[in-house]
Amino acid sequence: HDVAAVLNAADVLLLPSRFDGWGVVANEAAAHAKALILSAQCGAAWHLVEPGINGFVVAPGSVESLSAAMSRYVTGGRRLAARHGAESLRIIERFSCNASAQRLISTVQTWLSSQAGGRP
């Protein structure tokens, strides 16, 4: 409950890690419709951020890069953050249980079809 309360109080998630294997808080923020600013060294950045669409990927350790991304939300205001947050919610749906199950079913069906010589 505390994570949700903190995320709901924010407009943008900043995760400027020098290294983070995934950064699960980015998933949580996207599920709460937040804009994302993630370091390029955060694994989630490559799956959850479409630069300029729902947030920005910044260079790790670069104050200039982080500052430039943050400035976009200062000048764009809450309207930009809300628009990006809505896109984050759309993007995170790709990783829902249902979407993941559908990808697995499709992959297995494709494999089975290839094993049967193209027969369904």
Protein backbone atom coordinates (compact mmCIF):
# COMPACT_ATOMS: atom_id res chain seq x y z
CA HIS A 1 0.00 0.00 0.00
CA ASP A 2 2.86 2.38 0.71
CA VAL A 3 4.30 1.95 -2.81
CA ALA A 4 0.93 2.73 -4.38
CA ALA A 5 0.52 5.82 -2.21
CA VAL A 6 3.94 7.14 -3.17
CA LEU A 7 3.40 6.42 -6.87
CA ASN A 8 -0.03 8.03 -6.83
CA ALA A 9 1.50 11.21 -5.36
CA ALA A 10 3.96 11.47 -8.26
CA ASP A 11 3.65 12.45 -11.91
CA VAL A 12 6.90 10.89 -13.11
CA LEU A 13 9.11 8.01 -11.94
CA LEU A 14 12.84 8.78 -11.98
CA LEU A 15 15.15 5.78 -11.91
CA PRO A 16 18.58 7.10 -12.97
CA SER A 17 20.45 3.98 -11.83
CA ARG A 18 24.08 3.47 -12.80
CA PHE A 19 23.11 -0.22 -13.02
CA ASP A 20 19.86 -2.00 -12.34
CA GLY A 21 19.24 -5.48 -13.74
CA TRP A 22 15.56 -4.74 -14.22
CA GLY A 23 14.09 -2.03 -11.98
CA VAL A 24 10.72 -3.55 -11.10
CA VAL A 25 9.54 -0.23 -9.69
CA ALA A 26 9.30 0.90 -13.33
CA ASN A 27 6.67 -1.80 -13.94
CA GLU A 28 4.79 -0.65 -10.85
CA ALA A 29 4.92 2.98 -11.97
CA ALA A 30 3.76 2.12 -15.50
CA ALA A 31 0.85 0.16 -14.01
CA HIS A 32 -0.04 3.33 -12.09
CA ALA A 33 0.00 5.36 -15.34
CA LYS A 34 3.20 7.29 -14.61
CA ALA A 35 5.63 8.78 -17.07
CA LEU A 36 9.06 7.15 -16.84
CA ILE A 37 12.61 8.47 -16.84
CA LEU A 38 14.96 5.50 -16.65
CA SER A 39 18.67 5.05 -17.04
CA ALA A 40 19.90 3.16 -20.09
CA GLN A 41 21.49 0.77 -17.56
CA CYS A 42 18.08 -0.21 -16.21
CA GLY A 43 16.89 -3.37 -17.93
CA ALA A 44 13.26 -2.25 -17.93
CA ALA A 45 14.13 0.82 -19.98
CA TRP A 46 14.42 -1.24 -23.15
CA HIS A 47 10.98 -2.79 -22.73
CA LEU A 48 8.93 -0.15 -20.96
CA VAL A 49 10.08 3.19 -22.36
CA GLU A 50 9.27 4.45 -25.82
CA PRO A 51 11.31 7.66 -25.78
CA GLY A 52 9.15 10.74 -26.21
CA ILE A 53 5.99 8.61 -26.06
CA ASN A 54 5.82 7.64 -22.39
CA GLY A 55 9.11 8.93 -21.02
CA PHE A 56 12.82 9.14 -21.64
CA VAL A 57 15.92 6.98 -21.34
CA VAL A 58 18.91 8.85 -19.93
CA ALA A 59 22.62 8.17 -19.96
CA PRO A 60 23.76 6.63 -16.67
CA GLY A 61 25.70 9.05 -14.51
CA SER A 62 24.93 12.01 -16.79
CA VAL A 63 23.53 14.97 -14.91
CA GLU A 64 22.97 16.73 -18.23
CA SER A 65 20.93 13.88 -19.69
CA LEU A 66 18.81 13.52 -16.56
CA SER A 67 18.33 17.26 -16.30
CA ALA A 68 17.21 17.50 -19.94
CA ALA A 69 14.63 14.74 -19.46
CA MET A 70 13.32 16.25 -16.24
CA SER A 71 13.11 19.67 -17.92
CA ARG A 72 10.73 18.23 -20.51
CA TYR A 73 8.20 17.60 -17.75
CA VAL A 74 8.80 20.99 -16.15
CA THR A 75 8.07 22.77 -19.44
CA GLY A 76 5.39 20.30 -20.58
CA GLY A 77 3.71 20.28 -17.21
CA ARG A 78 1.26 17.80 -15.83
CA ARG A 79 -0.47 17.53 -19.18
CA LEU A 80 2.63 15.95 -20.76
CA ALA A 81 3.20 13.72 -17.74
CA ALA A 82 -0.43 12.56 -17.84
CA ARG A 83 -0.24 11.84 -21.59
CA HIS A 84 2.99 9.88 -21.12
CA GLY A 85 1.49 8.09 -18.12
CA ALA A 86 -1.47 6.93 -20.21
CA GLU A 87 1.00 5.53 -22.74
CA SER A 88 2.92 3.76 -19.95
CA LEU A 89 -0.29 2.03 -18.97
CA ARG A 90 -0.81 0.94 -22.58
CA ILE A 91 2.75 -0.37 -22.83
CA ILE A 92 2.68 -2.31 -19.55
CA GLU A 93 -0.39 -4.20 -20.81
CA ARG A 94 1.97 -6.04 -23.19
CA PHE A 95 3.36 -7.74 -20.10
CA SER A 96 0.06 -8.67 -18.43
CA CYS A 97 -0.64 -12.30 -17.55
CA ASN A 98 -3.17 -12.58 -20.37
CA ALA A 99 -0.86 -11.06 -22.99
CA SER A 100 2.03 -13.27 -21.87
CA ALA A 101 -0.19 -16.38 -21.94
CA GLN A 102 -1.38 -15.51 -25.44
CA ARG A 103 2.22 -15.14 -26.65
CA LEU A 104 3.09 -18.52 -25.14
CA ILE A 105 0.06 -20.22 -26.72
CA SER A 106 0.87 -18.68 -30.08
CA THR A 107 4.51 -19.74 -29.85
CA VAL A 108 3.60 -23.32 -28.92
CA GLN A 109 1.02 -23.50 -31.72
CA THR A 110 3.59 -22.24 -34.23
CA TRP A 111 6.13 -24.76 -33.01
CA LEU A 112 3.61 -27.62 -33.10
CA SER A 113 2.61 -26.62 -36.61
CA SER A 114 6.24 -26.65 -37.74
CA GLN A 115 6.73 -30.10 -36.18
CA ALA A 116 3.70 -31.47 -38.00
CA GLY A 117 5.07 -30.38 -41.37
CA GLY A 118 2.80 -27.39 -41.50
CA ARG A 119 -0.34 -29.34 -40.60
CA PRO A 120 -2.47 -27.73 -37.84
